[in-house]
């Protein structure tokens, strides 16, 4: 009887000890003490994985380690872990916080990763791998290869989400770029643009995607550059989004007002990733106002320099502006800018696309009246017409009446100004066409004459596309301006 009572008492004591250990922080203290004592009997080697290489470029291993560590179940054992919403509804994902430790096991050996920060000024991020020297020769190489394999699989699985990167002011922590999910719904299917032009742009982009060997054979960096120019609200930003969705590329939007100097602009380029669109919007405004610390030569070197050749492989560069009249031709010459696309004010063809997208209308009794107003020279930007349709989407007829009213008031002034702009640029366009015809009669889509192999290579490289709108009085080069200077 006494033995039974003794065993019962021991059981109660053990139960109480278990409660004290697991219901308080004592068990954590015991584990930490045990790890400390174990460390006293082992010699460790430390390996640092910084976010950037010595030349300022992204260290791809850092990204792979980040992806790998965030997939470990042991992340839950970290003292401090961040919680974020996932892609799926009600999904919660864990992310390792700064200066936290996460453990991992590989081939029977235990390693630790420390998520650190190098200093207070630059705030550069890094991971530190802590591994026993006795295990180093046996597992280090296979373990790093394991990280590569797992992270590549995870990135392929999660590569459906595009990102929009924006540059921040120098001195901020965690590098110069911040990213948010890029969920812009604009595609080439729903953008208001002539079908022929869309098909030519898509064909040009598809050729770029398949062009690695072609560019390497020419000794050129595998990049493509676009100039999008036209009045505000004509769809340039939407076109960039459509390009990103078509290519499945991330977008880097450079704000020149947050760039400190020319070297800083180069550093931003070095820190971009492959398979991305690098965008500088309203370039003419920055150049004319000189409102940034970046010089014209800095922008020229950004578009075409040794740094660009080393850091712009497999990238699309996009520059937007309202007009080319006040821009130095050297900034947009072939080699720096390959494809020029003009975004004019809305015409009747674009209007019908907008009516179909915004109102679900393919035909309407008011369409002939709208067409007549466009033919008289009146016009508005696609954004202005789109806003009228959105505001009156519950009644398509009312929406069309508002569009007609706007075209009859502001549209006539806008349309005539646009027509004068076309006429003023006609002499320059004629010179460009003459220069083009001297190289080849068919280079710009004209008739007669064959093309030499060299000209064909030139055409394929620079994508000399030419489209004319259906309006006889307002023809324009859509995708290429060749200058003779």
Protein backbone atom coordinates (compact mmCIF):
# COMPACT_ATOMS: atom_id res chain seq x y z
CA UNK A 1 0.00 0.00 0.00
CA UNK A 2 2.81 2.35 0.92
CA UNK A 3 4.58 1.58 -2.41
CA UNK A 4 1.43 2.44 -4.33
CA UNK A 5 1.12 5.75 -2.50
CA UNK A 6 4.79 6.48 -3.20
CA UNK A 7 4.39 5.83 -6.91
CA UNK A 8 1.25 7.93 -6.94
CA UNK A 9 3.11 10.80 -5.27
CA UNK A 10 5.98 10.55 -7.77
CA UNK A 11 3.49 10.64 -10.62
CA UNK A 12 1.80 13.73 -9.23
CA UNK A 13 5.16 15.45 -8.78
CA UNK A 14 6.20 14.60 -12.36
CA UNK A 15 2.85 15.84 -13.64
CA UNK A 16 3.25 19.11 -11.77
CA UNK A 17 6.83 19.48 -13.06
CA UNK A 18 5.58 18.91 -16.60
CA UNK A 19 2.92 21.57 -16.13
CA UNK A 20 5.46 24.02 -14.74
CA UNK A 21 7.88 23.34 -17.61
CA UNK A 22 5.46 23.45 -20.52
CA UNK A 23 2.99 26.03 -19.25
CA UNK A 24 5.73 28.53 -18.42
CA UNK A 25 8.92 29.68 -20.05
CA UNK A 26 11.10 27.22 -18.16
CA UNK A 27 11.14 24.65 -20.96
CA UNK A 28 12.38 27.34 -23.34
CA UNK A 29 15.11 28.29 -20.89
CA UNK A 30 16.14 24.65 -20.50
CA UNK A 31 16.39 24.19 -24.28
CA UNK A 32 18.38 27.40 -24.66
CA UNK A 33 20.72 26.35 -21.85
CA UNK A 34 21.20 22.95 -23.48
CA UNK A 35 22.09 24.56 -26.83
CA UNK A 36 24.56 26.86 -25.06
CA UNK A 37 26.23 23.95 -23.32
CA UNK A 38 26.39 22.01 -26.59
CA UNK A 39 28.04 24.96 -28.32
CA UNK A 40 30.81 24.89 -25.73
CA UNK A 41 31.91 21.46 -26.95
CA UNK A 42 31.76 22.17 -30.69
CA UNK A 43 33.65 24.50 -33.01
CA UNK A 44 31.43 26.27 -35.54
CA UNK A 45 32.07 27.82 -38.94
CA UNK A 46 30.03 30.84 -40.04
CA UNK A 47 29.14 31.70 -43.65
CA UNK A 48 27.61 35.03 -44.56
CA UNK A 49 25.16 35.44 -47.46
CA UNK A 50 24.76 39.22 -48.12
CA UNK A 51 21.84 40.63 -50.09
CA UNK A 52 24.13 42.34 -52.60
CA UNK A 53 27.48 41.50 -54.13
CA UNK A 54 30.46 43.82 -53.80
CA UNK A 55 29.57 45.54 -57.09
CA UNK A 56 26.06 46.37 -55.89
CA UNK A 57 24.24 43.69 -57.88
CA UNK A 58 21.73 41.39 -56.27
CA UNK A 59 23.15 38.22 -54.73
CA UNK A 60 20.85 35.56 -56.17
CA UNK A 61 21.83 33.12 -53.42
CA UNK A 62 20.31 35.50 -50.85
CA UNK A 63 16.94 35.30 -52.61
CA UNK A 64 17.14 31.51 -52.79
CA UNK A 65 17.99 31.23 -49.09
CA UNK A 66 15.07 33.56 -48.27
CA UNK A 67 12.67 31.37 -50.26
CA UNK A 68 14.05 28.19 -48.69
CA UNK A 69 13.97 29.38 -45.05
CA UNK A 70 10.44 30.74 -45.36
CA UNK A 71 9.32 27.24 -46.35
CA UNK A 72 10.75 25.49 -43.26
CA UNK A 73 8.35 24.18 -40.64
CA UNK A 74 10.92 25.05 -37.96
CA UNK A 75 10.12 28.71 -38.67
CA UNK A 76 7.35 28.35 -36.09
CA UNK A 77 9.99 27.74 -33.40
CA UNK A 78 11.62 31.12 -33.92
CA UNK A 79 11.25 33.60 -31.06
CA UNK A 80 9.69 36.19 -33.36
CA UNK A 81 7.96 35.40 -36.65
CA UNK A 82 5.98 37.66 -38.97
CA UNK A 83 2.51 36.67 -40.14
CA UNK A 84 1.18 37.74 -43.54
CA UNK A 85 -1.91 36.98 -45.57
CA UNK A 86 -1.28 34.52 -48.41
CA UNK A 87 -2.53 34.36 -51.97
CA UNK A 88 -5.42 32.05 -51.15
CA UNK A 89 -8.44 33.11 -49.06
CA UNK A 90 -7.83 32.77 -45.30
CA UNK A 91 -4.22 31.67 -45.92
CA UNK A 92 -1.60 32.83 -43.39
CA UNK A 93 2.10 32.60 -44.19
CA UNK A 94 5.09 32.91 -41.83
CA UNK A 95 8.18 35.00 -42.53
CA UNK A 96 11.38 35.12 -40.48
CA UNK A 97 11.93 38.44 -38.72
CA UNK A 98 15.13 40.44 -38.38
CA UNK A 99 17.88 39.02 -36.07
CA UNK A 100 16.00 35.77 -35.53
CA UNK A 101 17.40 32.22 -35.67
CA UNK A 102 15.88 29.25 -37.46
CA UNK A 103 17.24 25.71 -37.30
CA UNK A 104 17.44 23.10 -40.03
CA UNK A 105 18.64 19.52 -40.37
CA UNK A 106 20.40 17.92 -43.34
CA UNK A 107 21.98 14.46 -43.58
CA UNK A 108 21.76 14.07 -39.81
CA UNK A 109 23.56 17.34 -39.09
CA UNK A 110 21.97 20.37 -37.50
CA UNK A 111 22.61 23.88 -38.82
CA UNK A 112 21.32 27.33 -37.89
CA UNK A 113 20.50 30.40 -39.95
CA UNK A 114 20.59 33.91 -38.47
CA UNK A 115 18.62 36.63 -40.26
CA UNK A 116 20.82 39.64 -39.65
CA UNK A 117 21.43 43.26 -40.61
CA UNK A 118 24.88 44.65 -41.35
CA UNK A 119 24.65 48.15 -39.94
CA UNK A 120 22.52 51.07 -38.97
CA UNK A 121 23.43 53.32 -41.92
CA UNK A 122 22.89 51.21 -44.99
CA UNK A 123 20.75 48.54 -43.34
CA UNK A 124 21.95 45.87 -45.76
CA UNK A 125 20.42 42.49 -45.09
CA UNK A 126 22.23 39.16 -44.84
CA UNK A 127 21.89 35.59 -43.66
CA UNK A 128 24.56 33.85 -41.60
CA UNK A 129 24.88 30.06 -41.77
CA UNK A 130 26.21 28.45 -38.59
CA UNK A 131 27.53 24.93 -39.15
CA UNK A 132 29.75 22.62 -37.11
CA UNK A 133 33.25 22.36 -38.52
CA UNK A 134 33.07 18.61 -38.04
CA UNK A 135 30.09 18.52 -40.46
CA UNK A 136 31.35 21.19 -42.87
CA UNK A 137 33.19 19.02 -45.39
CA UNK A 138 30.47 16.39 -45.39
CA UNK A 139 27.34 18.49 -45.88
CA UNK A 140 28.16 22.08 -46.94
CA UNK A 141 28.25 21.51 -50.72
CA UNK A 142 25.25 19.13 -50.85
CA UNK A 143 23.31 21.37 -48.46
CA UNK A 144 23.76 24.49 -50.62
CA UNK A 145 22.77 22.48 -53.69
CA UNK A 146 19.69 21.29 -51.77
CA UNK A 147 18.76 24.92 -51.09
CA UNK A 148 19.10 25.74 -54.81
CA UNK A 149 16.88 22.83 -55.83
CA UNK A 150 14.14 23.46 -53.27
CA UNK A 151 14.04 27.22 -53.84
CA UNK A 152 13.86 26.77 -57.64
CA UNK A 153 10.90 24.40 -57.23
CA UNK A 154 9.16 26.82 -54.88
CA UNK A 155 9.77 29.79 -57.18
CA UNK A 156 8.38 27.92 -60.17
CA UNK A 157 5.34 26.94 -58.16
CA UNK A 158 4.76 30.50 -56.90
CA UNK A 159 5.84 32.36 -60.03
CA UNK A 160 2.27 33.26 -60.98
CA UNK A 161 2.34 36.53 -59.04
CA UNK A 162 4.00 39.48 -60.73
CA UNK A 163 5.50 42.29 -58.67
CA UNK A 164 5.70 46.05 -59.04
CA UNK A 165 8.97 47.50 -57.68
CA UNK A 166 9.35 51.16 -56.74
CA UNK A 167 12.60 52.85 -55.72
CA UNK A 168 12.89 54.50 -52.32
CA UNK A 169 15.10 57.33 -51.06
CA UNK A 170 18.78 56.47 -50.54
CA UNK A 171 19.54 55.50 -46.95
CA UNK A 172 16.39 53.47 -46.39
CA UNK A 173 16.89 49.96 -45.12
CA UNK A 174 16.64 46.72 -47.02
CA UNK A 175 17.94 48.00 -50.36
CA UNK A 176 16.60 50.54 -52.82
CA UNK A 177 13.57 48.68 -54.15
CA UNK A 178 10.22 47.92 -52.48
CA UNK A 179 7.71 45.60 -54.09
CA UNK A 180 3.97 45.07 -54.03
CA UNK A 181 1.89 42.52 -55.97
CA UNK A 182 1.24 43.63 -59.55
CA UNK A 183 -2.41 42.85 -60.22
CA UNK A 184 -3.18 45.24 -63.07
CA UNK A 185 -6.02 43.76 -65.16
CA UNK A 186 -5.03 45.39 -68.46
CA UNK A 187 -4.07 43.01 -71.27
CA UNK A 188 -3.68 43.25 -75.04
CA UNK A 189 -7.17 41.73 -75.31
CA UNK A 190 -8.96 44.57 -73.51
CA UNK A 191 -6.70 47.54 -74.31
CA UNK A 192 -8.15 50.15 -76.69
CA UNK A 193 -5.70 49.89 -79.58
CA UNK A 194 -5.85 49.02 -83.25
CA UNK A 195 -5.81 45.27 -83.80
CA UNK A 196 -3.06 45.43 -86.40
CA UNK A 197 -0.80 47.40 -84.07
CA UNK A 198 -1.46 45.08 -81.15
CA UNK A 199 -0.57 42.08 -83.28
CA UNK A 200 2.67 43.70 -84.43
CA UNK A 201 3.66 44.60 -80.86
CA UNK A 202 2.85 41.10 -79.62
CA UNK A 203 4.89 39.63 -82.48
CA UNK A 204 7.79 41.92 -81.61
CA UNK A 205 7.69 40.88 -77.95
CA UNK A 206 7.46 37.20 -78.84
CA UNK A 207 10.52 37.59 -81.07
CA UNK A 208 12.34 39.19 -78.16
CA UNK A 209 11.47 36.32 -75.83
CA UNK A 210 12.95 33.85 -78.31
CA UNK A 211 15.92 36.03 -79.21
CA UNK A 212 18.68 35.11 -76.74
CA UNK A 213 20.81 33.28 -79.31
CA UNK A 214 20.10 35.91 -81.96
CA UNK A 215 21.27 38.78 -79.75
CA UNK A 216 24.30 36.80 -78.57
CA UNK A 217 25.26 36.12 -82.19
CA UNK A 218 25.11 39.86 -82.91
CA UNK A 219 27.19 40.63 -79.83
CA UNK A 220 24.38 42.73 -78.35
CA UNK A 221 22.87 42.73 -74.89
CA UNK A 222 19.52 40.94 -74.83
CA UNK A 223 17.28 43.92 -74.16
CA UNK A 224 14.59 45.87 -75.97
CA UNK A 225 13.57 49.48 -75.44
CA UNK A 226 10.28 51.23 -76.18
CA UNK A 227 9.28 54.88 -76.33
CA UNK A 228 5.59 55.56 -75.69
CA UNK A 229 4.61 59.14 -76.44
CA UNK A 230 1.34 61.01 -76.63
CA UNK A 231 -1.00 63.24 -74.58
CA UNK A 232 -1.96 62.33 -71.04
CA UNK A 233 -4.75 59.81 -70.70
CA UNK A 234 -4.08 58.06 -74.01
CA UNK A 235 -3.23 54.69 -72.44
CA UNK A 236 0.56 54.62 -72.10
CA UNK A 237 0.56 53.25 -68.54
CA UNK A 238 -2.11 50.71 -69.43
CA UNK A 239 0.03 49.62 -72.36
CA UNK A 240 2.95 49.00 -69.98
CA UNK A 241 0.68 46.84 -67.82
CA UNK A 242 -0.46 44.90 -70.88
CA UNK A 243 3.18 44.31 -71.85
CA UNK A 244 4.01 43.03 -68.35
CA UNK A 245 1.05 40.65 -68.32
CA UNK A 246 1.87 39.42 -71.82
CA UNK A 247 5.54 38.80 -71.03
CA UNK A 248 4.92 37.65 -67.45
CA UNK A 249 7.60 40.14 -66.33
CA UNK A 250 7.90 42.13 -63.12
CA UNK A 251 7.80 45.94 -63.39
CA UNK A 252 10.42 48.33 -62.01
CA UNK A 253 9.02 51.87 -61.93
CA UNK A 254 11.86 54.38 -61.48
CA UNK A 255 10.94 57.69 -59.85
CA UNK A 256 13.73 60.08 -60.94
CA UNK A 257 12.87 62.52 -58.14
CA UNK A 258 14.14 59.90 -55.65
CA UNK A 259 17.44 59.32 -57.46
CA UNK A 260 20.36 61.21 -55.94
CA UNK A 261 22.74 61.28 -58.94
CA UNK A 262 23.82 59.47 -62.10
CA UNK A 263 25.70 56.80 -60.14
CA UNK A 264 22.62 56.11 -58.06
CA UNK A 265 20.61 55.57 -61.24
CA UNK A 266 23.16 53.01 -62.41
CA UNK A 267 23.01 51.28 -59.03
CA UNK A 268 19.23 50.97 -59.35
CA UNK A 269 19.71 49.24 -62.68
CA UNK A 270 22.27 46.86 -61.16
CA UNK A 271 19.74 45.84 -58.51
CA UNK A 272 16.99 44.88 -60.96
CA UNK A 273 16.31 41.28 -61.90
CA UNK A 274 16.13 39.60 -65.26
CA UNK A 275 12.72 39.15 -66.91
CA UNK A 276 11.52 42.61 -65.98
CA UNK A 277 10.18 45.87 -67.46
CA UNK A 278 12.12 48.93 -66.35
CA UNK A 279 9.93 52.01 -66.70
CA UNK A 280 10.71 55.74 -66.56
CA UNK A 281 7.52 57.77 -66.99
CA UNK A 282 7.18 61.41 -68.12
CA UNK A 283 10.82 61.58 -69.17
CA UNK A 284 10.34 64.81 -71.11
CA UNK A 285 8.95 66.57 -68.05
CA UNK A 286 12.00 65.69 -65.96
CA UNK A 287 14.43 66.64 -68.71
CA UNK A 288 12.82 70.02 -69.47
CA UNK A 289 12.21 70.99 -65.84
CA UNK A 290 15.59 69.67 -64.63
CA UNK A 291 13.80 68.80 -61.41
CA UNK A 292 16.08 65.90 -60.49
CA UNK A 293 19.76 65.41 -59.75
CA UNK A 294 20.05 63.09 -62.74
CA UNK A 295 21.69 64.61 -65.81
CA UNK A 296 20.83 64.01 -69.44
CA UNK A 297 24.09 62.13 -69.89
CA UNK A 298 23.13 59.97 -66.92
CA UNK A 299 19.89 59.00 -68.62
CA UNK A 300 21.76 58.33 -71.87
CA UNK A 301 24.17 56.03 -70.06
CA UNK A 302 21.26 54.36 -68.31
CA UNK A 303 19.73 53.50 -71.68
CA UNK A 304 22.93 52.51 -73.44
CA UNK A 305 26.30 52.13 -71.69
CA UNK A 306 28.77 49.54 -70.45
CA UNK A 307 26.78 49.21 -67.22
CA UNK A 308 23.61 48.64 -69.23
CA UNK A 309 25.36 45.98 -71.30
CA UNK A 310 26.37 44.17 -68.12
CA UNK A 311 23.14 44.56 -66.13
CA UNK A 312 20.24 44.85 -68.59
CA UNK A 313 20.24 41.36 -70.09
CA UNK A 314 16.74 39.91 -70.62
CA UNK A 315 15.00 43.18 -69.82
CA UNK A 316 12.55 45.54 -71.51
CA UNK A 317 13.08 49.28 -71.01
CA UNK A 318 10.12 51.61 -71.44
CA UNK A 319 10.20 55.42 -71.54
CA UNK A 320 7.03 57.50 -71.68
CA UNK A 321 6.61 61.16 -72.60
CA UNK A 322 3.94 63.50 -73.95
CA UNK A 323 5.94 64.55 -77.01
CA UNK A 324 9.34 64.27 -78.67
CA UNK A 325 9.66 67.88 -79.84
CA UNK A 326 11.80 69.09 -76.92
CA UNK A 327 13.89 65.94 -76.51
CA UNK A 328 17.45 65.66 -77.78
CA UNK A 329 17.34 63.19 -80.70
CA UNK A 330 20.39 61.46 -79.21
CA UNK A 331 18.23 60.28 -76.31
CA UNK A 332 15.90 58.30 -78.54
CA UNK A 333 18.18 57.18 -81.35
CA UNK A 334 18.25 53.52 -82.49
CA UNK A 335 20.23 51.46 -80.03
CA UNK A 336 18.95 53.48 -77.09
CA UNK A 337 15.28 53.27 -78.06
CA UNK A 338 14.35 50.54 -80.52
CA UNK A 339 10.59 51.01 -80.95
CA UNK A 340 8.57 54.25 -80.94
CA UNK A 341 4.80 54.04 -80.42
CA UNK A 342 2.58 57.09 -80.69
CA UNK A 343 -0.56 57.20 -78.53
CA UNK A 344 -2.95 59.69 -80.16
CA UNK A 345 -6.24 61.03 -78.91
CA UNK A 346 -9.21 58.74 -79.37
CA UNK A 347 -10.63 58.09 -82.85
CA UNK A 348 -13.84 56.26 -83.75
CA UNK A 349 -12.14 52.85 -83.94
CA UNK A 350 -10.75 53.25 -80.44
CA UNK A 351 -14.12 54.61 -79.29
CA UNK A 352 -15.87 51.40 -80.41
CA UNK A 353 -13.35 49.34 -78.46
CA UNK A 354 -14.02 51.45 -75.38
CA UNK A 355 -17.80 51.15 -75.83
CA UNK A 356 -17.47 47.38 -76.06
CA UNK A 357 -15.20 47.13 -73.00
CA UNK A 358 -16.99 49.64 -70.77
CA UNK A 359 -20.62 49.33 -71.88
CA UNK A 360 -20.80 45.98 -73.67
CA UNK A 361 -21.92 47.72 -76.88
CA UNK A 362 -20.91 46.49 -80.31
CA UNK A 363 -23.47 48.65 -82.12
CA UNK A 364 -25.83 51.45 -81.13
CA UNK A 365 -28.11 53.89 -82.91
CA UNK A 366 -25.96 56.79 -81.69
CA UNK A 367 -22.74 55.36 -83.20
CA UNK A 368 -23.20 57.15 -86.57
CA UNK A 369 -23.54 60.48 -84.80
CA UNK A 370 -20.39 59.78 -82.76
CA UNK A 371 -18.54 58.78 -85.92
CA UNK A 372 -19.56 62.01 -87.62
CA UNK A 373 -18.19 64.07 -84.75
CA UNK A 374 -14.87 62.23 -84.88
CA UNK A 375 -14.69 62.77 -88.64
CA UNK A 376 -15.15 66.49 -88.10
CA UNK A 377 -11.87 66.51 -86.17
CA UNK A 378 -13.12 66.46 -82.57
CA UNK A 379 -11.46 64.11 -80.14
CA UNK A 380 -10.84 63.36 -76.47
CA UNK A 381 -8.39 61.10 -74.71
CA UNK A 382 -9.42 57.47 -74.11
CA UNK A 383 -9.24 58.14 -70.36
CA UNK A 384 -11.74 61.02 -70.60
CA UNK A 385 -14.19 58.96 -72.67
CA UNK A 386 -13.70 55.96 -70.39
CA UNK A 387 -14.54 57.99 -67.28
CA UNK A 388 -17.79 59.21 -68.88
CA UNK A 389 -18.73 55.62 -69.69
CA UNK A 390 -17.92 54.40 -66.16
CA UNK A 391 -19.97 57.17 -64.55
CA UNK A 392 -23.00 56.30 -66.73
CA UNK A 393 -22.51 52.54 -67.16
CA UNK A 394 -26.02 51.79 -65.86
CA UNK A 395 -27.46 53.43 -69.00
CA UNK A 396 -25.40 52.97 -72.21
CA UNK A 397 -27.58 55.46 -74.08
CA UNK A 398 -27.00 58.13 -71.45
CA UNK A 399 -23.28 57.36 -71.49
CA UNK A 400 -23.12 57.88 -75.27
CA UNK A 401 -25.01 61.15 -74.99
CA UNK A 402 -22.51 62.40 -72.41
CA UNK A 403 -19.66 61.41 -74.73
CA UNK A 404 -21.31 63.27 -77.63
CA UNK A 405 -21.79 66.35 -75.47
CA UNK A 406 -18.16 66.29 -74.33
CA UNK A 407 -16.90 65.85 -77.89
CA UNK A 408 -19.01 68.79 -79.08
CA UNK A 409 -17.67 71.11 -76.35
CA UNK A 410 -14.07 70.24 -75.41
CA UNK A 411 -13.51 67.68 -78.14
CA UNK A 412 -13.39 70.10 -81.04
CA UNK A 413 -10.61 72.12 -79.44
CA UNK A 414 -8.63 69.01 -78.50
CA UNK A 415 -9.08 67.42 -81.91
CA UNK A 416 -8.03 70.48 -83.89
CA UNK A 417 -4.98 70.96 -81.68
CA UNK A 418 -4.05 67.35 -82.24
CA UNK A 419 -4.46 67.78 -86.00
CA UNK A 420 -2.19 70.82 -86.00
CA UNK A 421 0.38 68.79 -84.09
CA UNK A 422 0.28 66.11 -86.76
CA UNK A 423 0.67 68.66 -89.52
CA UNK A 424 3.59 70.36 -87.78
CA UNK A 425 5.44 67.07 -87.48
CA UNK A 426 4.73 66.11 -91.09
CA UNK A 427 7.95 67.57 -92.47
CA UNK A 428 10.04 65.61 -90.01
CA UNK A 429 8.14 62.46 -90.85
CA UNK A 430 8.81 63.00 -94.54
CA UNK A 431 12.52 63.32 -93.89
CA UNK A 432 12.43 60.12 -91.87
CA UNK A 433 10.64 58.31 -94.65
CA UNK A 434 13.17 59.58 -97.20
CA UNK A 435 16.04 58.36 -95.06
CA UNK A 436 14.28 55.04 -94.73
CA UNK A 437 13.76 54.73 -98.47
CA UNK A 438 17.47 55.31 -99.05
CA UNK A 439 18.22 52.21 -96.98
CA UNK A 440 15.52 50.05 -98.52
CA UNK A 441 12.30 50.60 -100.39
CA UNK A 442 10.43 48.05 -98.31
CA UNK A 443 12.05 48.69 -94.95
CA UNK A 444 9.17 50.74 -93.60
CA UNK A 445 6.49 48.78 -95.33
CA UNK A 446 6.62 50.71 -98.59
CA UNK A 447 6.32 49.11 -102.00
CA UNK A 448 8.96 48.02 -104.47
CA UNK A 449 12.50 46.89 -104.10
CA UNK A 450 13.99 43.98 -102.26
CA UNK A 451 15.93 44.10 -99.04
CA UNK A 452 19.51 43.02 -98.63
CA UNK A 453 20.34 40.54 -95.84
CA UNK A 454 21.96 43.34 -93.86
CA UNK A 455 18.81 45.44 -94.07
CA UNK A 456 16.69 42.49 -93.05
CA UNK A 457 18.90 41.98 -90.01
CA UNK A 458 18.57 45.70 -89.20
CA UNK A 459 14.81 45.53 -89.52
CA UNK A 460 14.56 42.46 -87.37
CA UNK A 461 16.79 43.97 -84.71
CA UNK A 462 15.12 47.35 -84.40
CA UNK A 463 11.57 46.26 -85.11
CA UNK A 464 10.75 48.88 -87.67
CA UNK A 465 7.00 48.70 -87.57
CA UNK A 466 4.67 51.04 -89.45
CA UNK A 467 0.94 51.40 -89.09
CA UNK A 468 -1.46 53.99 -90.42
CA UNK A 469 -4.76 54.88 -88.84
CA UNK A 470 -7.98 54.68 -90.79
CA UNK A 471 -8.26 58.47 -90.87
CA UNK A 472 -6.78 59.68 -94.13
CA UNK A 473 -5.88 63.10 -92.87
CA UNK A 474 -3.99 61.88 -89.81
CA UNK A 475 -1.49 59.22 -90.73
CA UNK A 476 1.26 58.55 -88.24
CA UNK A 477 4.21 56.26 -87.59
CA UNK A 478 3.15 54.02 -84.77
CA UNK A 479 6.19 51.98 -83.98
CA UNK A 480 9.27 53.48 -85.49
CA UNK A 481 10.71 56.89 -86.28
CA UNK A 482 14.00 56.64 -88.19
CA UNK A 483 16.06 59.77 -88.03
CA UNK A 484 18.65 60.71 -90.56
CA UNK A 485 20.94 62.47 -88.14
